[in-house]
Amino acid sequence: MPTDRIDLTNQFLIAMPGMVDEAFAGSVVYMCEHNDKGALGLVINKPISLTLGNLFEKVDLSLPYDELAARPVYYGGPVQTERGFVLHERLDEEGGHYNATLSVPGGLEMTTSRDVLEALSNGAGPKRVIVTLGYSGWAAGQLEEEIGRNGWLTVDAAPEIIFDTPIEERYDRALALLGVDPRMLSAEAGHA
């Protein structure tokens, strides 16, 4: 295995203005996993027309909390768009764990099992949470190639951008972590 391999786990991918793939134009992707087999992330700034309340009804669960029920469901990416992915803060040891959960170094978890939805329905479960339909996936080497073609910027993720920042500000706030003003970005790659 090459020693120069990058690991973008627990980082944001920020789409450059020249991103031609409509699925990712203007996106901020939280990277849940990146290894020599490929990468998996969730878009955190593209709400769809479905609310959590609507989603819970579709899976025969109630969501008695108006604030949570009104939250949007997000487009997580173009892969498995019929499947739900729950990005949430890690539960403390006493809080238990969910069945199909990927623990991301840095304190977040991504769960795909129904038990996390049942916990939310019962007033338990994680307090900081976003739900997506679909995920963003890359085969081995594909993401590195896209970064090399000036498709993405990367920066360490900040949970407050995922959970506490208004949706329309997430792209600019992610760029601000790099000290970048979005008006200064070019779609052209520079080569010396």
C-alpha atoms as a PDB file:
ATOM      1  CA  MET A   1       0.000   0.000   0.000  1.00  0.00           C
ATOM      2  CA  PRO A   2       1.457   3.390  -0.937  1.00  0.00           C
ATOM      3  CA  THR A   3       2.420   5.628   1.952  1.00  0.00           C
ATOM      4  CA  ASP A   4       1.166   8.769   0.231  1.00  0.00           C
ATOM      5  CA  ARG A   5      -2.495   7.694   0.332  1.00  0.00           C
ATOM      6  CA  ILE A   6      -4.765  10.375   1.718  1.00  0.00           C
ATOM      7  CA  ASP A   7      -7.497   9.650   4.254  1.00  0.00           C
ATOM      8  CA  LEU A   8     -10.407  12.078   4.071  1.00  0.00           C
ATOM      9  CA  THR A   9     -12.478  10.408   6.799  1.00  0.00           C
ATOM     10  CA  ASN A  10     -14.125  13.048   9.049  1.00  0.00           C
ATOM     11  CA  GLN A  11     -13.486  15.801   6.523  1.00  0.00           C
ATOM     12  CA  PHE A  12     -15.693  17.933   4.335  1.00  0.00           C
ATOM     13  CA  LEU A  13     -15.495  17.714   0.567  1.00  0.00           C
ATOM     14  CA  ILE A  14     -16.508  21.081  -0.827  1.00  0.00           C
ATOM     15  CA  ALA A  15     -17.496  21.120  -4.501  1.00  0.00           C
ATOM     16  CA  MET A  16     -15.567  23.621  -6.588  1.00  0.00           C
ATOM     17  CA  PRO A  17     -17.620  26.040  -8.729  1.00  0.00           C
ATOM     18  CA  GLY A  18     -16.687  24.124 -11.891  1.00  0.00           C
ATOM     19  CA  MET A  19     -18.258  20.875 -10.631  1.00  0.00           C
ATOM     20  CA  VAL A  20     -20.092  19.590 -13.701  1.00  0.00           C
ATOM     21  CA  ASP A  21     -21.815  16.683 -11.975  1.00  0.00           C
ATOM     22  CA  GLU A  22     -25.261  18.083 -11.059  1.00  0.00           C
ATOM     23  CA  ALA A  23     -25.509  15.581  -8.199  1.00  0.00           C
ATOM     24  CA  PHE A  24     -22.652  17.400  -6.469  1.00  0.00           C
ATOM     25  CA  ALA A  25     -22.707  21.001  -7.724  1.00  0.00           C
ATOM     26  CA  GLY A  26     -22.673  23.333  -4.706  1.00  0.00           C
ATOM     27  CA  SER A  27     -22.371  20.408  -2.298  1.00  0.00           C
ATOM     28  CA  VAL A  28     -20.664  19.913   1.021  1.00  0.00           C
ATOM     29  CA  VAL A  29     -20.104  16.206   1.655  1.00  0.00           C
ATOM     30  CA  TYR A  30     -19.260  14.835   5.094  1.00  0.00           C
ATOM     31  CA  MET A  31     -16.845  11.927   4.618  1.00  0.00           C
ATOM     32  CA  CYS A  32     -17.834   8.937   6.760  1.00  0.00           C
ATOM     33  CA  GLU A  33     -15.202   6.578   5.406  1.00  0.00           C
ATOM     34  CA  HIS A  34     -12.213   6.750   3.058  1.00  0.00           C
ATOM     35  CA  ASN A  35      -9.797   3.901   2.599  1.00  0.00           C
ATOM     36  CA  ASP A  36      -7.991   1.967  -0.121  1.00  0.00           C
ATOM     37  CA  LYS A  37     -11.305   0.375  -1.210  1.00  0.00           C
ATOM     38  CA  GLY A  38     -13.040   3.708  -1.857  1.00  0.00           C
ATOM     39  CA  ALA A  39     -14.989   6.412  -0.074  1.00  0.00           C
ATOM     40  CA  LEU A  40     -18.447   7.018   1.384  1.00  0.00           C
ATOM     41  CA  GLY A  41     -19.950  10.353   2.394  1.00  0.00           C
ATOM     42  CA  LEU A  42     -23.231  12.193   2.898  1.00  0.00           C
ATOM     43  CA  VAL A  43     -24.209  15.512   1.327  1.00  0.00           C
ATOM     44  CA  ILE A  44     -25.199  17.795   4.228  1.00  0.00           C
ATOM     45  CA  ASN A  45     -26.547  20.864   2.445  1.00  0.00           C
ATOM     46  CA  LYS A  46     -29.178  19.678  -0.035  1.00  0.00           C
ATOM     47  CA  PRO A  47     -32.597  19.242   1.574  1.00  0.00           C
ATOM     48  CA  ILE A  48     -35.304  17.460  -0.398  1.00  0.00           C
ATOM     49  CA  SER A  49     -39.050  18.085  -0.258  1.00  0.00           C
ATOM     50  CA  LEU A  50     -39.549  15.436   2.437  1.00  0.00           C
ATOM     51  CA  THR A  51     -39.602  16.225   6.164  1.00  0.00           C
ATOM     52  CA  LEU A  52     -38.632  13.846   8.943  1.00  0.00           C
ATOM     53  CA  GLY A  53     -42.306  13.724   9.928  1.00  0.00           C
ATOM     54  CA  ASN A  54     -43.227  12.550   6.390  1.00  0.00           C
ATOM     55  CA  LEU A  55     -40.404  10.018   6.361  1.00  0.00           C
ATOM     56  CA  PHE A  56     -41.393   8.575   9.739  1.00  0.00           C
ATOM     57  CA  GLU A  57     -45.002   8.186   8.516  1.00  0.00           C
ATOM     58  CA  LYS A  58     -43.737   6.251   5.475  1.00  0.00           C
ATOM     59  CA  VAL A  59     -41.946   3.761   7.746  1.00  0.00           C
ATOM     60  CA  ASP A  60     -44.922   3.481  10.139  1.00  0.00           C
ATOM     61  CA  LEU A  61     -43.345   5.391  13.010  1.00  0.00           C
ATOM     62  CA  SER A  62     -44.621   8.467  14.779  1.00  0.00           C
ATOM     63  CA  LEU A  63     -42.537  11.522  15.501  1.00  0.00           C
ATOM     64  CA  PRO A  64     -44.379  13.395  18.227  1.00  0.00           C
ATOM     65  CA  TYR A  65     -41.858  16.254  18.410  1.00  0.00           C
ATOM     66  CA  ASP A  66     -42.848  19.103  16.099  1.00  0.00           C
ATOM     67  CA  GLU A  67     -39.374  20.618  15.874  1.00  0.00           C
ATOM     68  CA  LEU A  68     -37.847  17.309  14.809  1.00  0.00           C
ATOM     69  CA  ALA A  69     -40.779  16.410  12.524  1.00  0.00           C
ATOM     70  CA  ALA A  70     -40.380  19.688  10.623  1.00  0.00           C
ATOM     71  CA  ARG A  71     -36.689  19.137   9.833  1.00  0.00           C
ATOM     72  CA  PRO A  72     -35.860  18.286   6.234  1.00  0.00           C
ATOM     73  CA  VAL A  73     -34.540  15.024   4.921  1.00  0.00           C
ATOM     74  CA  TYR A  74     -31.415  15.514   2.792  1.00  0.00           C
ATOM     75  CA  TYR A  75     -30.195  14.220  -0.539  1.00  0.00           C
ATOM     76  CA  GLY A  76     -27.161  12.279   0.687  1.00  0.00           C
ATOM     77  CA  GLY A  77     -25.891  11.402  -2.763  1.00  0.00           C
ATOM     78  CA  PRO A  78     -26.757   9.470  -5.912  1.00  0.00           C
ATOM     79  CA  VAL A  79     -26.193   5.938  -4.549  1.00  0.00           C
ATOM     80  CA  GLN A  80     -29.095   3.949  -3.008  1.00  0.00           C
ATOM     81  CA  THR A  81     -31.437   6.957  -2.944  1.00  0.00           C
ATOM     82  CA  GLU A  82     -34.283   4.818  -1.567  1.00  0.00           C
ATOM     83  CA  ARG A  83     -32.272   3.983   1.570  1.00  0.00           C
ATOM     84  CA  GLY A  84     -31.989   6.124   4.701  1.00  0.00           C
ATOM     85  CA  PHE A  85     -28.734   7.150   6.351  1.00  0.00           C
ATOM     86  CA  VAL A  86     -28.668   8.817   9.761  1.00  0.00           C
ATOM     87  CA  LEU A  87     -25.660  10.954  10.649  1.00  0.00           C
ATOM     88  CA  HIS A  88     -25.567  11.651  14.360  1.00  0.00           C
ATOM     89  CA  GLU A  89     -23.352  12.386  17.301  1.00  0.00           C
ATOM     90  CA  ARG A  90     -21.916   9.378  19.073  1.00  0.00           C
ATOM     91  CA  LEU A  91     -23.967   8.127  21.996  1.00  0.00           C
ATOM     92  CA  ASP A  92     -22.285   7.819  25.346  1.00  0.00           C
ATOM     93  CA  GLU A  93     -21.640   4.289  26.552  1.00  0.00           C
ATOM     94  CA  GLU A  94     -24.851   4.245  28.597  1.00  0.00           C
ATOM     95  CA  GLY A  95     -26.906   5.373  25.609  1.00  0.00           C
ATOM     96  CA  GLY A  96     -26.406   2.103  23.801  1.00  0.00           C
ATOM     97  CA  HIS A  97     -25.575   1.481  20.176  1.00  0.00           C
ATOM     98  CA  TYR A  98     -27.500   0.871  16.999  1.00  0.00           C
ATOM     99  CA  ASN A  99     -27.299  -2.222  14.845  1.00  0.00           C
ATOM    100  CA  ALA A 100     -25.770  -0.999  11.581  1.00  0.00           C
ATOM    101  CA  THR A 101     -23.511   1.837  12.666  1.00  0.00           C
ATOM    102  CA  LEU A 102     -20.231   3.081  11.287  1.00  0.00           C
ATOM    103  CA  SER A 103     -18.248   4.985  13.928  1.00  0.00           C
ATOM    104  CA  VAL A 104     -16.327   7.817  12.299  1.00  0.00           C
ATOM    105  CA  PRO A 105     -13.109   8.897  14.012  1.00  0.00           C
ATOM    106  CA  GLY A 106     -13.864  12.344  15.390  1.00  0.00           C
ATOM    107  CA  GLY A 107     -17.071  11.631  17.271  1.00  0.00           C
ATOM    108  CA  LEU A 108     -19.859  11.099  14.729  1.00  0.00           C
ATOM    109  CA  GLU A 109     -21.649   7.943  13.633  1.00  0.00           C
ATOM    110  CA  MET A 110     -23.601   6.951  10.541  1.00  0.00           C
ATOM    111  CA  THR A 111     -26.416   4.468  11.123  1.00  0.00           C
ATOM    112  CA  THR A 112     -28.522   2.685   8.517  1.00  0.00           C
ATOM    113  CA  SER A 113     -30.691   0.488  10.763  1.00  0.00           C
ATOM    114  CA  ARG A 114     -34.287   1.186  11.761  1.00  0.00           C
ATOM    115  CA  ASP A 115     -33.497   1.111  15.490  1.00  0.00           C
ATOM    116  CA  VAL A 116     -32.118   4.660  15.429  1.00  0.00           C
ATOM    117  CA  LEU A 117     -35.426   5.874  13.942  1.00  0.00           C
ATOM    118  CA  GLU A 118     -37.358   3.938  16.590  1.00  0.00           C
ATOM    119  CA  ALA A 119     -35.250   5.574  19.320  1.00  0.00           C
ATOM    120  CA  LEU A 120     -35.963   9.033  17.862  1.00  0.00           C
ATOM    121  CA  SER A 121     -39.658   8.173  17.664  1.00  0.00           C
ATOM    122  CA  ASN A 122     -39.636   7.317  21.370  1.00  0.00           C
ATOM    123  CA  GLY A 123     -37.880  10.524  22.387  1.00  0.00           C
ATOM    124  CA  ALA A 124     -34.559   8.787  22.907  1.00  0.00           C
ATOM    125  CA  GLY A 125     -31.642   8.530  20.540  1.00  0.00           C
ATOM    126  CA  PRO A 126     -29.159  11.134  19.434  1.00  0.00           C
ATOM    127  CA  LYS A 127     -30.013  14.787  19.931  1.00  0.00           C
ATOM    128  CA  ARG A 128     -27.963  16.049  16.977  1.00  0.00           C
ATOM    129  CA  VAL A 129     -28.997  14.240  13.833  1.00  0.00           C
ATOM    130  CA  ILE A 130     -29.550  14.624  10.098  1.00  0.00           C
ATOM    131  CA  VAL A 131     -31.221  12.023   7.882  1.00  0.00           C
ATOM    132  CA  THR A 132     -30.382  11.538   4.217  1.00  0.00           C
ATOM    133  CA  LEU A 133     -31.763   9.418   1.434  1.00  0.00           C
ATOM    134  CA  GLY A 134     -28.871   8.034  -0.541  1.00  0.00           C
ATOM    135  CA  TYR A 135     -25.148   8.420  -0.102  1.00  0.00           C
ATOM    136  CA  SER A 136     -22.127   9.550  -2.072  1.00  0.00           C
ATOM    137  CA  GLY A 137     -19.704   6.802  -3.013  1.00  0.00           C
ATOM    138  CA  TRP A 138     -16.429   6.569  -4.900  1.00  0.00           C
ATOM    139  CA  ALA A 139     -14.482   3.528  -6.065  1.00  0.00           C
ATOM    140  CA  ALA A 140     -10.835   3.106  -5.099  1.00  0.00           C
ATOM    141  CA  GLY A 141      -8.816   6.041  -6.468  1.00  0.00           C
ATOM    142  CA  GLN A 142     -11.835   7.799  -7.987  1.00  0.00           C
ATOM    143  CA  LEU A 143     -12.099  10.552  -5.367  1.00  0.00           C
ATOM    144  CA  GLU A 144      -8.356  11.233  -5.457  1.00  0.00           C
ATOM    145  CA  GLU A 145      -8.642  11.627  -9.231  1.00  0.00           C
ATOM    146  CA  GLU A 146     -11.533  14.110  -8.871  1.00  0.00           C
ATOM    147  CA  ILE A 147      -9.550  16.133  -6.329  1.00  0.00           C
ATOM    148  CA  GLY A 148      -6.578  16.139  -8.723  1.00  0.00           C
ATOM    149  CA  ARG A 149      -8.848  17.554 -11.451  1.00  0.00           C
ATOM    150  CA  ASN A 150      -9.803  20.483  -9.166  1.00  0.00           C
ATOM    151  CA  GLY A 151     -13.258  19.060  -8.400  1.00  0.00           C
ATOM    152  CA  TRP A 152     -13.123  19.315  -4.629  1.00  0.00           C
ATOM    153  CA  LEU A 153     -11.556  21.191  -1.749  1.00  0.00           C
ATOM    154  CA  THR A 154     -11.091  19.341   1.538  1.00  0.00           C
ATOM    155  CA  VAL A 155     -11.006  20.505   5.142  1.00  0.00           C
ATOM    156  CA  ASP A 156     -11.422  18.959   8.583  1.00  0.00           C
ATOM    157  CA  ALA A 157     -15.134  18.652   9.341  1.00  0.00           C
ATOM    158  CA  ALA A 158     -16.832  20.800  11.968  1.00  0.00           C
ATOM    159  CA  PRO A 159     -19.937  19.212  13.553  1.00  0.00           C
ATOM    160  CA  GLU A 160     -21.473  22.637  14.230  1.00  0.00           C
ATOM    161  CA  ILE A 161     -21.708  23.197  10.460  1.00  0.00           C
ATOM    162  CA  ILE A 162     -23.534  19.876  10.034  1.00  0.00           C
ATOM    163  CA  PHE A 163     -25.984  20.267  12.904  1.00  0.00           C
ATOM    164  CA  ASP A 164     -26.206  23.939  13.914  1.00  0.00           C
ATOM    165  CA  THR A 165     -25.623  26.042  10.788  1.00  0.00           C
ATOM    166  CA  PRO A 166     -28.587  27.056   8.605  1.00  0.00           C
ATOM    167  CA  ILE A 167     -28.616  24.955   5.433  1.00  0.00           C
ATOM    168  CA  GLU A 168     -28.086  27.888   3.067  1.00  0.00           C
ATOM    169  CA  GLU A 169     -24.907  28.911   4.966  1.00  0.00           C
ATOM    170  CA  ARG A 170     -23.206  25.498   5.146  1.00  0.00           C
ATOM    171  CA  TYR A 171     -21.277  25.795   1.870  1.00  0.00           C
ATOM    172  CA  ASP A 172     -19.841  29.229   2.708  1.00  0.00           C
ATOM    173  CA  ARG A 173     -19.115  28.237   6.320  1.00  0.00           C
ATOM    174  CA  ALA A 174     -17.268  25.109   5.167  1.00  0.00           C
ATOM    175  CA  LEU A 175     -15.183  27.249   2.805  1.00  0.00           C
ATOM    176  CA  ALA A 176     -14.521  29.694   5.638  1.00  0.00           C
ATOM    177  CA  LEU A 177     -12.796  26.861   7.531  1.00  0.00           C
ATOM    178  CA  LEU A 178     -10.156  27.134   4.802  1.00  0.00           C
ATOM    179  CA  GLY A 179     -10.169  30.929   4.890  1.00  0.00           C
ATOM    180  CA  VAL A 180     -11.681  30.967   1.391  1.00  0.00           C
ATOM    181  CA  ASP A 181     -14.218  33.467   0.085  1.00  0.00           C
ATOM    182  CA  PRO A 182     -16.470  31.654  -2.441  1.00  0.00           C
ATOM    183  CA  ARG A 183     -16.303  34.654  -4.795  1.00  0.00           C
ATOM    184  CA  MET A 184     -12.552  34.077  -5.146  1.00  0.00           C
ATOM    185  CA  LEU A 185     -12.842  30.506  -6.425  1.00  0.00           C
ATOM    186  CA  SER A 186     -12.251  29.633 -10.049  1.00  0.00           C
ATOM    187  CA  ALA A 187     -13.460  26.615 -11.932  1.00  0.00           C
ATOM    188  CA  GLU A 188     -10.071  26.382 -13.667  1.00  0.00           C
ATOM    189  CA  ALA A 189      -7.254  24.212 -12.304  1.00  0.00           C
ATOM    190  CA  GLY A 190      -3.872  25.880 -12.075  1.00  0.00           C
ATOM    191  CA  HIS A 191      -0.846  23.969 -13.333  1.00  0.00           C
ATOM    192  CA  ALA A 192       2.713  25.239 -13.183  1.00  0.00           C
END
